[in-house]
């Protein structure tokens, strides 16, 4: 799955911004159920495949927002847009801002 993650670095130190971006890229590239100690970590792509584009976009957006809230409190999803690739893939463009939470 292809995705683009970027954010507003306001409020982050340069190192923290890069760390949060890297953590989001890693977390959102993991298939849910594949991590033995935390089966909820990652995105449930299998539950989204096969739906019409508008429904799949909504399902994927909700999944991304919920996982960022749960696993990366330093960030908050500000916006998600979708690009449709030539081979039928949905490519999310995820934009984040500094979150209210603290790292645990």
PDB file of N, CA and C in Angstrom:
ATOM      1  N   UNK A   1       0.837  -1.176   0.000  1.00  0.00           N
ATOM      2  CA  UNK A   1       0.000   0.000   0.000  1.00  0.00           C
ATOM      3  C   UNK A   1       0.881   1.238   0.000  1.00  0.00           C
ATOM      4  N   UNK A   2       0.556   2.128  -0.831  1.00  0.00           N
ATOM      5  CA  UNK A   2       1.280   3.378  -0.951  1.00  0.00           C
ATOM      6  C   UNK A   2       0.539   4.452  -0.165  1.00  0.00           C
ATOM      7  N   UNK A   3       1.264   5.338   0.504  1.00  0.00           N
ATOM      8  CA  UNK A   3       0.641   6.459   1.198  1.00  0.00           C
ATOM      9  C   UNK A   3       1.665   7.579   1.331  1.00  0.00           C
ATOM     10  N   UNK A   4       1.150   8.770   1.534  1.00  0.00           N
ATOM     11  CA  UNK A   4       2.001   9.936   1.742  1.00  0.00           C
ATOM     12  C   UNK A   4       1.617  10.557   3.070  1.00  0.00           C
ATOM     13  N   UNK A   5       2.611  10.810   3.909  1.00  0.00           N
ATOM     14  CA  UNK A   5       2.366  11.398   5.219  1.00  0.00           C
ATOM     15  C   UNK A   5       3.204  12.653   5.330  1.00  0.00           C
ATOM     16  N   UNK A   6       2.540  13.744   5.679  1.00  0.00           N
ATOM     17  CA  UNK A   6       3.229  15.007   5.896  1.00  0.00           C
ATOM     18  C   UNK A   6       2.478  15.751   6.979  1.00  0.00           C
ATOM     19  N   UNK A   7       3.070  16.800   7.473  1.00  0.00           N
ATOM     20  CA  UNK A   7       2.419  17.515   8.556  1.00  0.00           C
ATOM     21  C   UNK A   7       2.874  18.939   8.685  1.00  0.00           C
ATOM     22  N   UNK A   8       2.247  19.604   9.618  1.00  0.00           N
ATOM     23  CA  UNK A   8       2.598  20.966   9.988  1.00  0.00           C
ATOM     24  C   UNK A   8       3.581  20.848  11.141  1.00  0.00           C
ATOM     25  N   UNK A   9       4.786  21.305  10.966  1.00  0.00           N
ATOM     26  CA  UNK A   9       5.812  21.125  11.991  1.00  0.00           C
ATOM     27  C   UNK A   9       5.697  22.126  13.131  1.00  0.00           C
ATOM     28  N   UNK A  10       4.718  23.020  13.077  1.00  0.00           N
ATOM     29  CA  UNK A  10       4.540  24.009  14.137  1.00  0.00           C
ATOM     30  C   UNK A  10       4.285  23.308  15.468  1.00  0.00           C
ATOM     31  N   UNK A  11       5.045  23.688  16.481  1.00  0.00           N
ATOM     32  CA  UNK A  11       4.894  23.104  17.808  1.00  0.00           C
ATOM     33  C   UNK A  11       5.813  21.926  18.060  1.00  0.00           C
ATOM     34  N   UNK A  12       6.359  21.344  17.008  1.00  0.00           N
ATOM     35  CA  UNK A  12       7.304  20.238  17.132  1.00  0.00           C
ATOM     36  C   UNK A  12       8.726  20.783  17.065  1.00  0.00           C
ATOM     37  N   UNK A  13       9.647  20.138  17.777  1.00  0.00           N
ATOM     38  CA  UNK A  13      11.050  20.400  17.493  1.00  0.00           C
ATOM     39  C   UNK A  13      11.358  19.683  16.178  1.00  0.00           C
ATOM     40  N   UNK A  14      12.405  20.077  15.465  1.00  0.00           N
ATOM     41  CA  UNK A  14      12.707  19.388  14.202  1.00  0.00           C
ATOM     42  C   UNK A  14      12.886  17.875  14.371  1.00  0.00           C
ATOM     43  N   UNK A  15      13.580  17.461  15.428  1.00  0.00           N
ATOM     44  CA  UNK A  15      13.786  16.026  15.661  1.00  0.00           C
ATOM     45  C   UNK A  15      12.476  15.320  16.009  1.00  0.00           C
ATOM     46  N   UNK A  16      11.632  15.982  16.814  1.00  0.00           N
ATOM     47  CA  UNK A  16      10.355  15.375  17.192  1.00  0.00           C
ATOM     48  C   UNK A  16       9.450  15.216  15.966  1.00  0.00           C
ATOM     49  N   UNK A  17       9.434  16.225  15.097  1.00  0.00           N
ATOM     50  CA  UNK A  17       8.616  16.143  13.888  1.00  0.00           C
ATOM     51  C   UNK A  17       9.025  14.952  13.036  1.00  0.00           C
ATOM     52  N   UNK A  18      10.331  14.783  12.820  1.00  0.00           N
ATOM     53  CA  UNK A  18      10.816  13.656  12.017  1.00  0.00           C
ATOM     54  C   UNK A  18      10.508  12.319  12.690  1.00  0.00           C
ATOM     55  N   UNK A  19      10.611  12.268  14.027  1.00  0.00           N
ATOM     56  CA  UNK A  19      10.314  11.041  14.753  1.00  0.00           C
ATOM     57  C   UNK A  19       8.830  10.686  14.652  1.00  0.00           C
ATOM     58  N   UNK A  20       7.954  11.664  14.819  1.00  0.00           N
ATOM     59  CA  UNK A  20       6.518  11.416  14.716  1.00  0.00           C
ATOM     60  C   UNK A  20       6.162  10.964  13.307  1.00  0.00           C
ATOM     61  N   UNK A  21       6.709  11.628  12.307  1.00  0.00           N
ATOM     62  CA  UNK A  21       6.430  11.261  10.915  1.00  0.00           C
ATOM     63  C   UNK A  21       6.888   9.828  10.641  1.00  0.00           C
ATOM     64  N   UNK A  22       8.064   9.477  11.121  1.00  0.00           N
ATOM     65  CA  UNK A  22       8.600   8.124  10.925  1.00  0.00           C
ATOM     66  C   UNK A  22       7.723   7.092  11.653  1.00  0.00           C
ATOM     67  N   UNK A  23       7.287   7.410  12.868  1.00  0.00           N
ATOM     68  CA  UNK A  23       6.412   6.497  13.615  1.00  0.00           C
ATOM     69  C   UNK A  23       5.075   6.302  12.897  1.00  0.00           C
ATOM     70  N   UNK A  24       4.504   7.377  12.362  1.00  0.00           N
ATOM     71  CA  UNK A  24       3.248   7.267  11.626  1.00  0.00           C
ATOM     72  C   UNK A  24       3.425   6.429  10.364  1.00  0.00           C
ATOM     73  N   UNK A  25       4.515   6.664   9.645  1.00  0.00           N
ATOM     74  CA  UNK A  25       4.771   5.883   8.430  1.00  0.00           C
ATOM     75  C   UNK A  25       4.889   4.401   8.749  1.00  0.00           C
ATOM     76  N   UNK A  26       5.568   4.083   9.839  1.00  0.00           N
ATOM     77  CA  UNK A  26       5.726   2.685  10.236  1.00  0.00           C
ATOM     78  C   UNK A  26       4.394   2.091  10.660  1.00  0.00           C
ATOM     79  N   UNK A  27       3.701   2.765  11.572  1.00  0.00           N
ATOM     80  CA  UNK A  27       2.444   2.239  12.102  1.00  0.00           C
ATOM     81  C   UNK A  27       1.401   2.043  11.005  1.00  0.00           C
ATOM     82  N   UNK A  28       1.293   2.995  10.096  1.00  0.00           N
ATOM     83  CA  UNK A  28       0.257   2.921   9.079  1.00  0.00           C
ATOM     84  C   UNK A  28       0.615   1.989   7.923  1.00  0.00           C
ATOM     85  N   UNK A  29       1.840   1.485   7.899  1.00  0.00           N
ATOM     86  CA  UNK A  29       2.222   0.531   6.864  1.00  0.00           C
ATOM     87  C   UNK A  29       2.091  -0.922   7.345  1.00  0.00           C
ATOM     88  N   UNK A  30       1.782  -1.102   8.638  1.00  0.00           N
ATOM     89  CA  UNK A  30       1.638  -2.439   9.208  1.00  0.00           C
ATOM     90  C   UNK A  30       0.213  -2.937   8.980  1.00  0.00           C
ATOM     91  N   UNK A  31       0.097  -4.190   8.603  1.00  0.00           N
ATOM     92  CA  UNK A  31      -1.217  -4.821   8.441  1.00  0.00           C
ATOM     93  C   UNK A  31      -1.700  -5.261   9.823  1.00  0.00           C
ATOM     94  N   UNK A  32      -2.905  -4.826  10.225  1.00  0.00           N
ATOM     95  CA  UNK A  32      -3.470  -5.196  11.524  1.00  0.00           C
ATOM     96  C   UNK A  32      -3.493  -6.718  11.659  1.00  0.00           C
ATOM     97  N   UNK A  33      -3.156  -7.178  12.850  1.00  0.00           N
ATOM     98  CA  UNK A  33      -3.134  -8.610  13.127  1.00  0.00           C
ATOM     99  C   UNK A  33      -1.784  -9.252  12.927  1.00  0.00           C
ATOM    100  N   UNK A  34      -0.818  -8.517  12.390  1.00  0.00           N
ATOM    101  CA  UNK A  34       0.482  -9.114  12.083  1.00  0.00           C
ATOM    102  C   UNK A  34       1.503  -8.971  13.213  1.00  0.00           C
ATOM    103  N   UNK A  35       1.195  -8.190  14.239  1.00  0.00           N
ATOM    104  CA  UNK A  35       2.134  -7.990  15.342  1.00  0.00           C
ATOM    105  C   UNK A  35       1.724  -8.864  16.521  1.00  0.00           C
ATOM    106  N   UNK A  36       2.525  -9.878  16.865  1.00  0.00           N
ATOM    107  CA  UNK A  36       2.132 -10.851  17.879  1.00  0.00           C
ATOM    108  C   UNK A  36       1.719 -10.268  19.230  1.00  0.00           C
ATOM    109  N   UNK A  37       2.369  -9.235  19.709  1.00  0.00           N
ATOM    110  CA  UNK A  37       2.047  -8.703  21.036  1.00  0.00           C
ATOM    111  C   UNK A  37       0.967  -7.636  21.009  1.00  0.00           C
ATOM    112  N   UNK A  38       0.582  -7.191  19.837  1.00  0.00           N
ATOM    113  CA  UNK A  38      -0.487  -6.184  19.726  1.00  0.00           C
ATOM    114  C   UNK A  38      -1.172  -6.353  18.377  1.00  0.00           C
ATOM    115  N   UNK A  39      -2.162  -7.198  18.332  1.00  0.00           N
ATOM    116  CA  UNK A  39      -2.859  -7.520  17.082  1.00  0.00           C
ATOM    117  C   UNK A  39      -3.671  -6.338  16.544  1.00  0.00           C
ATOM    118  N   UNK A  40      -3.918  -5.315  17.368  1.00  0.00           N
ATOM    119  CA  UNK A  40      -4.671  -4.137  16.930  1.00  0.00           C
ATOM    120  C   UNK A  40      -3.792  -3.124  16.198  1.00  0.00           C
ATOM    121  N   UNK A  41      -2.483  -3.212  16.387  1.00  0.00           N
ATOM    122  CA  UNK A  41      -1.563  -2.266  15.751  1.00  0.00           C
ATOM    123  C   UNK A  41      -1.622  -2.421  14.238  1.00  0.00           C
ATOM    124  N   UNK A  42      -1.700  -1.319  13.541  1.00  0.00           N
ATOM    125  CA  UNK A  42      -1.720  -1.335  12.082  1.00  0.00           C
ATOM    126  C   UNK A  42      -3.117  -1.119  11.536  1.00  0.00           C
ATOM    127  N   UNK A  43      -3.239  -1.222  10.233  1.00  0.00           N
ATOM    128  CA  UNK A  43      -4.480  -0.933   9.521  1.00  0.00           C
ATOM    129  C   UNK A  43      -5.086  -2.233   8.997  1.00  0.00           C
ATOM    130  N   UNK A  44      -6.394  -2.374   9.142  1.00  0.00           N
ATOM    131  CA  UNK A  44      -7.115  -3.550   8.664  1.00  0.00           C
ATOM    132  C   UNK A  44      -7.460  -3.356   7.182  1.00  0.00           C
ATOM    133  N   UNK A  45      -6.469  -3.513   6.330  1.00  0.00           N
ATOM    134  CA  UNK A  45      -6.676  -3.328   4.887  1.00  0.00           C
ATOM    135  C   UNK A  45      -7.638  -4.368   4.318  1.00  0.00           C
ATOM    136  N   UNK A  46      -7.592  -5.585   4.854  1.00  0.00           N
ATOM    137  CA  UNK A  46      -8.448  -6.658   4.333  1.00  0.00           C
ATOM    138  C   UNK A  46      -9.932  -6.340   4.509  1.00  0.00           C
ATOM    139  N   UNK A  47     -10.274  -5.608   5.568  1.00  0.00           N
ATOM    140  CA  UNK A  47     -11.664  -5.253   5.802  1.00  0.00           C
ATOM    141  C   UNK A  47     -12.157  -4.114   4.927  1.00  0.00           C
ATOM    142  N   UNK A  48     -11.271  -3.509   4.168  1.00  0.00           N
ATOM    143  CA  UNK A  48     -11.606  -2.341   3.345  1.00  0.00           C
ATOM    144  C   UNK A  48     -11.644  -2.691   1.859  1.00  0.00           C
ATOM    145  N   UNK A  49     -10.835  -3.661   1.462  1.00  0.00           N
ATOM    146  CA  UNK A  49     -10.735  -4.051   0.055  1.00  0.00           C
ATOM    147  C   UNK A  49     -12.090  -4.555  -0.449  1.00  0.00           C
ATOM    148  N   UNK A  50     -12.451  -4.123  -1.650  1.00  0.00           N
ATOM    149  CA  UNK A  50     -13.664  -4.614  -2.278  1.00  0.00           C
ATOM    150  C   UNK A  50     -14.851  -3.687  -2.173  1.00  0.00           C
ATOM    151  N   UNK A  51     -14.760  -2.687  -1.316  1.00  0.00           N
ATOM    152  CA  UNK A  51     -15.857  -1.721  -1.210  1.00  0.00           C
ATOM    153  C   UNK A  51     -15.730  -0.655  -2.288  1.00  0.00           C
ATOM    154  N   UNK A  52     -16.831  -0.030  -2.674  1.00  0.00           N
ATOM    155  CA  UNK A  52     -16.751   1.095  -3.618  1.00  0.00           C
ATOM    156  C   UNK A  52     -15.853   2.197  -3.039  1.00  0.00           C
ATOM    157  N   UNK A  53     -15.213   2.958  -3.919  1.00  0.00           N
ATOM    158  CA  UNK A  53     -14.239   3.958  -3.486  1.00  0.00           C
ATOM    159  C   UNK A  53     -14.729   4.889  -2.380  1.00  0.00           C
ATOM    160  N   UNK A  54     -15.906   5.504  -2.477  1.00  0.00           N
ATOM    161  CA  UNK A  54     -16.305   6.428  -1.409  1.00  0.00           C
ATOM    162  C   UNK A  54     -16.425   5.742  -0.035  1.00  0.00           C
ATOM    163  N   UNK A  55     -16.913   4.509  -0.020  1.00  0.00           N
ATOM    164  CA  UNK A  55     -17.038   3.778   1.242  1.00  0.00           C
ATOM    165  C   UNK A  55     -15.660   3.365   1.750  1.00  0.00           C
ATOM    166  N   UNK A  56     -14.802   2.878   0.863  1.00  0.00           N
ATOM    167  CA  UNK A  56     -13.442   2.486   1.250  1.00  0.00           C
ATOM    168  C   UNK A  56     -12.662   3.689   1.779  1.00  0.00           C
ATOM    169  N   UNK A  57     -12.841   4.857   1.162  1.00  0.00           N
ATOM    170  CA  UNK A  57     -12.165   6.066   1.644  1.00  0.00           C
ATOM    171  C   UNK A  57     -12.614   6.401   3.058  1.00  0.00           C
ATOM    172  N   UNK A  58     -13.918   6.323   3.326  1.00  0.00           N
ATOM    173  CA  UNK A  58     -14.426   6.612   4.665  1.00  0.00           C
ATOM    174  C   UNK A  58     -13.923   5.598   5.684  1.00  0.00           C
ATOM    175  N   UNK A  59     -13.954   4.319   5.318  1.00  0.00           N
ATOM    176  CA  UNK A  59     -13.499   3.271   6.233  1.00  0.00           C
ATOM    177  C   UNK A  59     -12.007   3.429   6.545  1.00  0.00           C
ATOM    178  N   UNK A  60     -11.211   3.685   5.524  1.00  0.00           N
ATOM    179  CA  UNK A  60      -9.769   3.840   5.717  1.00  0.00           C
ATOM    180  C   UNK A  60      -9.464   5.096   6.522  1.00  0.00           C
ATOM    181  N   UNK A  61     -10.182   6.182   6.258  1.00  0.00           N
ATOM    182  CA  UNK A  61      -9.984   7.419   7.025  1.00  0.00           C
ATOM    183  C   UNK A  61     -10.253   7.190   8.502  1.00  0.00           C
ATOM    184  N   UNK A  62     -11.373   6.537   8.800  1.00  0.00           N
ATOM    185  CA  UNK A  62     -11.725   6.256  10.187  1.00  0.00           C
ATOM    186  C   UNK A  62     -10.677   5.372  10.851  1.00  0.00           C
ATOM    187  N   UNK A  63     -10.228   4.369  10.153  1.00  0.00           N
ATOM    188  CA  UNK A  63      -9.204   3.463  10.677  1.00  0.00           C
ATOM    189  C   UNK A  63      -7.912   4.232  10.983  1.00  0.00           C
ATOM    190  N   UNK A  64      -7.489   5.090  10.072  1.00  0.00           N
ATOM    191  CA  UNK A  64      -6.262   5.872  10.261  1.00  0.00           C
ATOM    192  C   UNK A  64      -6.407   6.804  11.458  1.00  0.00           C
ATOM    193  N   UNK A  65      -7.515   7.533  11.534  1.00  0.00           N
ATOM    194  CA  UNK A  65      -7.725   8.484  12.634  1.00  0.00           C
ATOM    195  C   UNK A  65      -7.727   7.757  13.972  1.00  0.00           C
ATOM    196  N   UNK A  66      -8.441   6.644  14.069  1.00  0.00           N
ATOM    197  CA  UNK A  66      -8.504   5.893  15.325  1.00  0.00           C
ATOM    198  C   UNK A  66      -7.139   5.366  15.740  1.00  0.00           C
ATOM    199  N   UNK A  67      -6.364   4.864  14.788  1.00  0.00           N
ATOM    200  CA  UNK A  67      -5.054   4.305  15.125  1.00  0.00           C
ATOM    201  C   UNK A  67      -4.066   5.403  15.529  1.00  0.00           C
ATOM    202  N   UNK A  68      -4.122   6.552  14.886  1.00  0.00           N
ATOM    203  CA  UNK A  68      -3.233   7.651  15.276  1.00  0.00           C
ATOM    204  C   UNK A  68      -3.590   8.121  16.684  1.00  0.00           C
ATOM    205  N   UNK A  69      -4.881   8.254  16.988  1.00  0.00           N
ATOM    206  CA  UNK A  69      -5.301   8.652  18.336  1.00  0.00           C
ATOM    207  C   UNK A  69      -4.807   7.664  19.387  1.00  0.00           C
ATOM    208  N   UNK A  70      -4.874   6.393  19.067  1.00  0.00           N
ATOM    209  CA  UNK A  70      -4.503   5.361  20.041  1.00  0.00           C
ATOM    210  C   UNK A  70      -2.997   5.205  20.212  1.00  0.00           C
ATOM    211  N   UNK A  71      -2.258   5.214  19.103  1.00  0.00           N
ATOM    212  CA  UNK A  71      -0.847   4.851  19.154  1.00  0.00           C
ATOM    213  C   UNK A  71       0.139   6.015  19.043  1.00  0.00           C
ATOM    214  N   UNK A  72      -0.294   7.165  18.605  1.00  0.00           N
ATOM    215  CA  UNK A  72       0.643   8.282  18.458  1.00  0.00           C
ATOM    216  C   UNK A  72      -0.014   9.577  18.947  1.00  0.00           C
ATOM    217  N   UNK A  73      -0.108   9.741  20.277  1.00  0.00           N
ATOM    218  CA  UNK A  73      -0.784  10.921  20.833  1.00  0.00           C
ATOM    219  C   UNK A  73      -0.057  12.237  20.569  1.00  0.00           C
ATOM    220  N   UNK A  74       1.181  12.163  20.112  1.00  0.00           N
ATOM    221  CA  UNK A  74       1.898  13.402  19.790  1.00  0.00           C
ATOM    222  C   UNK A  74       1.377  14.038  18.515  1.00  0.00           C
ATOM    223  N   UNK A  75       0.576  13.292  17.751  1.00  0.00           N
ATOM    224  CA  UNK A  75       0.054  13.780  16.468  1.00  0.00           C
ATOM    225  C   UNK A  75      -1.459  13.667  16.443  1.00  0.00           C
ATOM    226  N   UNK A  76      -2.054  14.479  15.592  1.00  0.00           N
ATOM    227  CA  UNK A  76      -3.492  14.435  15.356  1.00  0.00           C
ATOM    228  C   UNK A  76      -3.701  14.557  13.849  1.00  0.00           C
ATOM    229  N   UNK A  77      -4.564  13.719  13.304  1.00  0.00           N
ATOM    230  CA  UNK A  77      -4.834  13.779  11.863  1.00  0.00           C
ATOM    231  C   UNK A  77      -5.624  15.049  11.584  1.00  0.00           C
ATOM    232  N   UNK A  78      -5.101  15.874  10.707  1.00  0.00           N
ATOM    233  CA  UNK A  78      -5.755  17.133  10.343  1.00  0.00           C
ATOM    234  C   UNK A  78      -6.599  16.968   9.084  1.00  0.00           C
ATOM    235  N   UNK A  79      -6.099  16.164   8.139  1.00  0.00           N
ATOM    236  CA  UNK A  79      -6.808  15.994   6.868  1.00  0.00           C
ATOM    237  C   UNK A  79      -6.313  14.724   6.177  1.00  0.00           C
ATOM    238  N   UNK A  80      -7.220  14.079   5.463  1.00  0.00           N
ATOM    239  CA  UNK A  80      -6.857  12.933   4.632  1.00  0.00           C
ATOM    240  C   UNK A  80      -7.529  13.128   3.282  1.00  0.00           C
ATOM    241  N   UNK A  81      -6.726  13.087   2.234  1.00  0.00           N
ATOM    242  CA  UNK A  81      -7.264  13.114   0.880  1.00  0.00           C
ATOM    243  C   UNK A  81      -6.822  11.833   0.189  1.00  0.00           C
ATOM    244  N   UNK A  82      -7.466  11.516  -0.911  1.00  0.00           N
ATOM    245  CA  UNK A  82      -7.136  10.274  -1.614  1.00  0.00           C
ATOM    246  C   UNK A  82      -6.826  10.546  -3.070  1.00  0.00           C
ATOM    247  N   UNK A  83      -5.825   9.833  -3.529  1.00  0.00           N
ATOM    248  CA  UNK A  83      -5.453   9.822  -4.936  1.00  0.00           C
ATOM    249  C   UNK A  83      -5.819   8.425  -5.440  1.00  0.00           C
ATOM    250  N   UNK A  84      -6.303   8.342  -6.638  1.00  0.00           N
ATOM    251  CA  UNK A  84      -6.642   7.052  -7.232  1.00  0.00           C
ATOM    252  C   UNK A  84      -5.574   6.736  -8.274  1.00  0.00           C
ATOM    253  N   UNK A  85      -4.792   5.685  -8.027  1.00  0.00           N
ATOM    254  CA  UNK A  85      -3.711   5.330  -8.937  1.00  0.00           C
ATOM    255  C   UNK A  85      -4.274   4.670 -10.191  1.00  0.00           C
ATOM    256  N   UNK A  86      -3.440   4.574 -11.198  1.00  0.00           N
ATOM    257  CA  UNK A  86      -3.849   3.974 -12.467  1.00  0.00           C
ATOM    258  C   UNK A  86      -4.228   2.498 -12.338  1.00  0.00           C
ATOM    259  N   UNK A  87      -3.675   1.819 -11.319  1.00  0.00           N
ATOM    260  CA  UNK A  87      -3.976   0.391 -11.155  1.00  0.00           C
ATOM    261  C   UNK A  87      -5.101   0.139 -10.142  1.00  0.00           C
ATOM    262  N   UNK A  88      -5.857   1.187  -9.794  1.00  0.00           N
ATOM    263  CA  UNK A  88      -7.023   1.022  -8.935  1.00  0.00           C
ATOM    264  C   UNK A  88      -6.775   1.145  -7.442  1.00  0.00           C
ATOM    265  N   UNK A  89      -5.555   1.452  -7.041  1.00  0.00           N
ATOM    266  CA  UNK A  89      -5.250   1.612  -5.627  1.00  0.00           C
ATOM    267  C   UNK A  89      -5.718   2.967  -5.108  1.00  0.00           C
ATOM    268  N   UNK A  90      -6.164   2.971  -3.855  1.00  0.00           N
ATOM    269  CA  UNK A  90      -6.416   4.224  -3.146  1.00  0.00           C
ATOM    270  C   UNK A  90      -5.119   4.609  -2.464  1.00  0.00           C
ATOM    271  N   UNK A  91      -4.656   5.815  -2.689  1.00  0.00           N
ATOM    272  CA  UNK A  91      -3.420   6.278  -2.083  1.00  0.00           C
ATOM    273  C   UNK A  91      -3.775   7.423  -1.142  1.00  0.00           C
ATOM    274  N   UNK A  92      -3.773   7.165   0.189  1.00  0.00           N
ATOM    275  CA  UNK A  92      -4.113   8.235   1.118  1.00  0.00           C
ATOM    276  C   UNK A  92      -2.968   9.235   1.275  1.00  0.00           C
ATOM    277  N   UNK A  93      -3.336  10.486   1.358  1.00  0.00           N
ATOM    278  CA  UNK A  93      -2.409  11.567   1.688  1.00  0.00           C
ATOM    279  C   UNK A  93      -2.840  12.060   3.065  1.00  0.00           C
ATOM    280  N   UNK A  94      -2.033  11.777   4.072  1.00  0.00           N
ATOM    281  CA  UNK A  94      -2.388  12.038   5.461  1.00  0.00           C
ATOM    282  C   UNK A  94      -1.602  13.245   5.950  1.00  0.00           C
ATOM    283  N   UNK A  95      -2.325  14.217   6.481  1.00  0.00           N
ATOM    284  CA  UNK A  95      -1.718  15.444   6.967  1.00  0.00           C
ATOM    285  C   UNK A  95      -1.958  15.520   8.476  1.00  0.00           C
ATOM    286  N   UNK A  96      -0.885  15.687   9.248  1.00  0.00           N
ATOM    287  CA  UNK A  96      -1.031  15.717  10.701  1.00  0.00           C
ATOM    288  C   UNK A  96      -0.520  17.019  11.296  1.00  0.00           C
ATOM    289  N   UNK A  97      -0.993  17.289  12.504  1.00  0.00           N
ATOM    290  CA  UNK A  97      -0.564  18.444  13.293  1.00  0.00           C
ATOM    291  C   UNK A  97      -0.181  17.927  14.674  1.00  0.00           C
ATOM    292  N   UNK A  98       0.389  18.797  15.480  1.00  0.00           N
ATOM    293  CA  UNK A  98       0.771  18.411  16.837  1.00  0.00           C
ATOM    294  C   UNK A  98      -0.482  18.067  17.638  1.00  0.00           C
ATOM    295  N   UNK A  99      -0.432  16.938  18.332  1.00  0.00           N
ATOM    296  CA  UNK A  99      -1.552  16.482  19.156  1.00  0.00           C
ATOM    297  C   UNK A  99      -1.473  17.037  20.558  1.00  0.00           C
ATOM    298  N   UNK A 100      -2.531  16.828  21.295  1.00  0.00           N
ATOM    299  CA  UNK A 100      -2.607  17.300  22.679  1.00  0.00           C
ATOM    300  C   UNK A 100      -1.972  16.336  23.665  1.00  0.00           C
ATOM    301  N   UNK A 101      -1.871  15.079  23.261  1.00  0.00           N
ATOM    302  CA  UNK A 101      -1.379  14.038  24.175  1.00  0.00           C
ATOM    303  C   UNK A 101       0.122  14.043  24.328  1.00  0.00           C
ATOM    304  N   UNK A 102       0.538  13.318  25.323  1.00  0.00           N
ATOM    305  CA  UNK A 102       1.956  13.129  25.570  1.00  0.00           C
ATOM    306  C   UNK A 102       2.322  11.711  25.218  1.00  0.00           C
ATOM    307  N   UNK A 103       3.573  11.508  24.863  1.00  0.00           N
ATOM    308  CA  UNK A 103       4.042  10.162  24.567  1.00  0.00           C
ATOM    309  C   UNK A 103       4.050   9.350  25.852  1.00  0.00           C
ATOM    310  N   UNK A 104       3.567   8.115  25.745  1.00  0.00           N
ATOM    311  CA  UNK A 104       3.514   7.257  26.939  1.00  0.00           C
ATOM    312  C   UNK A 104       4.618   6.236  26.915  1.00  0.00           C
TER     313      UNK A 104
END
